[in-house]
N, C-alpha and C. Protein backbone atom coordinates (compact mmCIF):
# COMPACT_ATOMS: atom_id res chain seq x y z
N MET A 1 0.84 -1.17 0.00
CA MET A 1 0.00 0.00 0.00
C MET A 1 0.88 1.24 0.00
N ARG A 2 0.56 2.18 -0.86
CA ARG A 2 1.29 3.44 -0.89
C ARG A 2 0.44 4.53 -0.28
N LYS A 3 1.05 5.32 0.54
CA LYS A 3 0.33 6.42 1.19
C LYS A 3 0.51 7.68 0.36
N SER A 4 -0.58 8.36 0.11
CA SER A 4 -0.55 9.59 -0.66
C SER A 4 0.06 10.71 0.17
N THR A 5 0.81 11.59 -0.49
CA THR A 5 1.39 12.73 0.21
C THR A 5 0.53 13.97 0.06
N LYS A 6 -0.58 13.87 -0.70
CA LYS A 6 -1.47 15.00 -0.88
C LYS A 6 -2.30 15.20 0.39
N THR A 7 -2.63 16.45 0.65
CA THR A 7 -3.53 16.71 1.78
C THR A 7 -4.95 16.47 1.31
N ASN A 8 -5.75 15.96 2.21
CA ASN A 8 -7.13 15.63 1.88
C ASN A 8 -8.02 16.22 2.96
N ASP A 9 -8.88 17.13 2.56
CA ASP A 9 -9.76 17.77 3.52
C ASP A 9 -11.05 16.99 3.73
N GLY A 10 -11.22 15.87 3.03
CA GLY A 10 -12.43 15.08 3.13
C GLY A 10 -12.26 13.91 4.09
N ILE A 11 -13.12 12.93 3.92
CA ILE A 11 -13.10 11.74 4.74
C ILE A 11 -12.55 10.59 3.90
N THR A 12 -11.65 9.82 4.47
CA THR A 12 -11.10 8.65 3.79
C THR A 12 -12.03 7.47 3.98
N ALA A 13 -12.33 6.78 2.88
CA ALA A 13 -13.17 5.59 2.95
C ALA A 13 -12.29 4.36 3.08
N ILE A 14 -12.61 3.51 4.03
CA ILE A 14 -11.93 2.22 4.21
C ILE A 14 -12.95 1.14 3.88
N TYR A 15 -12.60 0.29 2.92
CA TYR A 15 -13.50 -0.78 2.51
C TYR A 15 -12.81 -2.11 2.80
N VAL A 16 -13.43 -2.93 3.61
CA VAL A 16 -12.88 -4.26 3.93
C VAL A 16 -13.92 -5.31 3.56
N ARG A 17 -13.42 -6.47 3.14
CA ARG A 17 -14.34 -7.53 2.77
C ARG A 17 -13.66 -8.89 2.93
N ARG A 18 -14.49 -9.89 3.01
CA ARG A 18 -14.02 -11.28 3.04
C ARG A 18 -14.27 -11.85 1.66
N SER A 19 -13.24 -12.35 1.02
CA SER A 19 -13.38 -12.95 -0.30
C SER A 19 -13.67 -14.44 -0.13
N VAL A 20 -14.85 -14.86 -0.51
CA VAL A 20 -15.24 -16.26 -0.37
C VAL A 20 -14.36 -17.15 -1.24
N SER A 21 -14.05 -16.71 -2.45
CA SER A 21 -13.23 -17.53 -3.34
C SER A 21 -11.83 -17.74 -2.78
N ASP A 22 -11.26 -16.70 -2.15
CA ASP A 22 -9.95 -16.85 -1.53
C ASP A 22 -10.01 -17.80 -0.34
N LYS A 23 -11.09 -17.70 0.42
CA LYS A 23 -11.26 -18.56 1.59
C LYS A 23 -11.33 -20.03 1.16
N ASP A 24 -12.06 -20.30 0.06
CA ASP A 24 -12.19 -21.67 -0.44
C ASP A 24 -10.88 -22.23 -0.97
N LYS A 25 -10.00 -21.36 -1.45
CA LYS A 25 -8.71 -21.79 -1.99
C LYS A 25 -7.68 -22.02 -0.90
N GLY A 26 -8.05 -21.79 0.35
CA GLY A 26 -7.10 -21.97 1.44
C GLY A 26 -6.12 -20.83 1.57
N ASN A 27 -6.45 -19.71 0.95
CA ASN A 27 -5.59 -18.53 1.01
C ASN A 27 -5.61 -17.95 2.42
N ASN A 28 -4.49 -17.46 2.86
CA ASN A 28 -4.39 -16.87 4.20
C ASN A 28 -4.70 -15.39 4.15
N SER A 29 -5.89 -15.06 3.68
CA SER A 29 -6.26 -13.65 3.63
C SER A 29 -6.51 -13.13 5.04
N LEU A 30 -6.35 -11.83 5.21
CA LEU A 30 -6.53 -11.22 6.52
C LEU A 30 -8.00 -11.24 6.91
N SER A 31 -8.25 -11.42 8.19
CA SER A 31 -9.62 -11.34 8.69
C SER A 31 -10.11 -9.91 8.53
N ILE A 32 -11.41 -9.74 8.60
CA ILE A 32 -11.98 -8.39 8.47
C ILE A 32 -11.44 -7.48 9.57
N SER A 33 -11.36 -7.97 10.79
CA SER A 33 -10.86 -7.12 11.88
C SER A 33 -9.38 -6.76 11.66
N ALA A 34 -8.60 -7.69 11.15
CA ALA A 34 -7.18 -7.40 10.87
C ALA A 34 -7.05 -6.39 9.74
N GLN A 35 -7.92 -6.49 8.73
CA GLN A 35 -7.90 -5.51 7.64
C GLN A 35 -8.22 -4.12 8.17
N LYS A 36 -9.22 -4.04 9.04
CA LYS A 36 -9.60 -2.75 9.63
C LYS A 36 -8.42 -2.14 10.38
N GLU A 37 -7.76 -2.94 11.21
CA GLU A 37 -6.62 -2.44 11.99
C GLU A 37 -5.51 -1.92 11.09
N GLU A 38 -5.18 -2.68 10.04
CA GLU A 38 -4.12 -2.27 9.11
C GLU A 38 -4.47 -0.96 8.40
N CYS A 39 -5.71 -0.85 7.97
CA CYS A 39 -6.14 0.36 7.26
C CYS A 39 -6.15 1.58 8.17
N ILE A 40 -6.60 1.40 9.40
CA ILE A 40 -6.62 2.52 10.35
C ILE A 40 -5.20 2.99 10.65
N LYS A 41 -4.26 2.06 10.78
CA LYS A 41 -2.85 2.44 10.96
C LYS A 41 -2.37 3.22 9.74
N PHE A 42 -2.77 2.78 8.55
CA PHE A 42 -2.32 3.39 7.30
C PHE A 42 -2.82 4.83 7.15
N VAL A 43 -4.09 5.09 7.48
CA VAL A 43 -4.63 6.44 7.29
C VAL A 43 -4.19 7.40 8.39
N GLY A 44 -3.70 6.86 9.49
CA GLY A 44 -3.16 7.72 10.54
C GLY A 44 -4.21 8.61 11.17
N ASP A 45 -3.93 9.92 11.21
CA ASP A 45 -4.81 10.87 11.87
C ASP A 45 -5.95 11.38 10.99
N SER A 46 -6.07 10.86 9.77
CA SER A 46 -7.13 11.29 8.86
C SER A 46 -8.49 10.86 9.39
N ASP A 47 -9.51 11.65 9.06
CA ASP A 47 -10.87 11.22 9.36
C ASP A 47 -11.21 10.08 8.39
N TYR A 48 -11.88 9.05 8.90
CA TYR A 48 -12.20 7.92 8.03
C TYR A 48 -13.57 7.35 8.36
N ARG A 49 -14.11 6.64 7.39
CA ARG A 49 -15.36 5.91 7.55
C ARG A 49 -15.11 4.49 7.02
N ILE A 50 -15.55 3.50 7.79
CA ILE A 50 -15.31 2.10 7.42
C ILE A 50 -16.56 1.51 6.79
N TYR A 51 -16.37 0.87 5.64
CA TYR A 51 -17.41 0.12 4.97
C TYR A 51 -17.01 -1.34 4.97
N CYS A 52 -17.91 -2.21 5.38
CA CYS A 52 -17.57 -3.62 5.56
C CYS A 52 -18.54 -4.49 4.78
N ASP A 53 -17.98 -5.43 4.00
CA ASP A 53 -18.78 -6.38 3.24
C ASP A 53 -18.38 -7.78 3.66
N ALA A 54 -19.09 -8.30 4.68
CA ALA A 54 -18.77 -9.63 5.18
C ALA A 54 -19.39 -10.67 4.28
């Protein structure tokens, strides 16, 4: 993930989801809660809204 250096006066959208096809393939995808944690660390002090598709 690359972090943008531009200033953003809006709200950052975080979208997390569970991929059923990846789960069936035995892929070690991150859990939804782990994805949320990683994204929140990434956006830092920015205002954000989380969208979740379980």
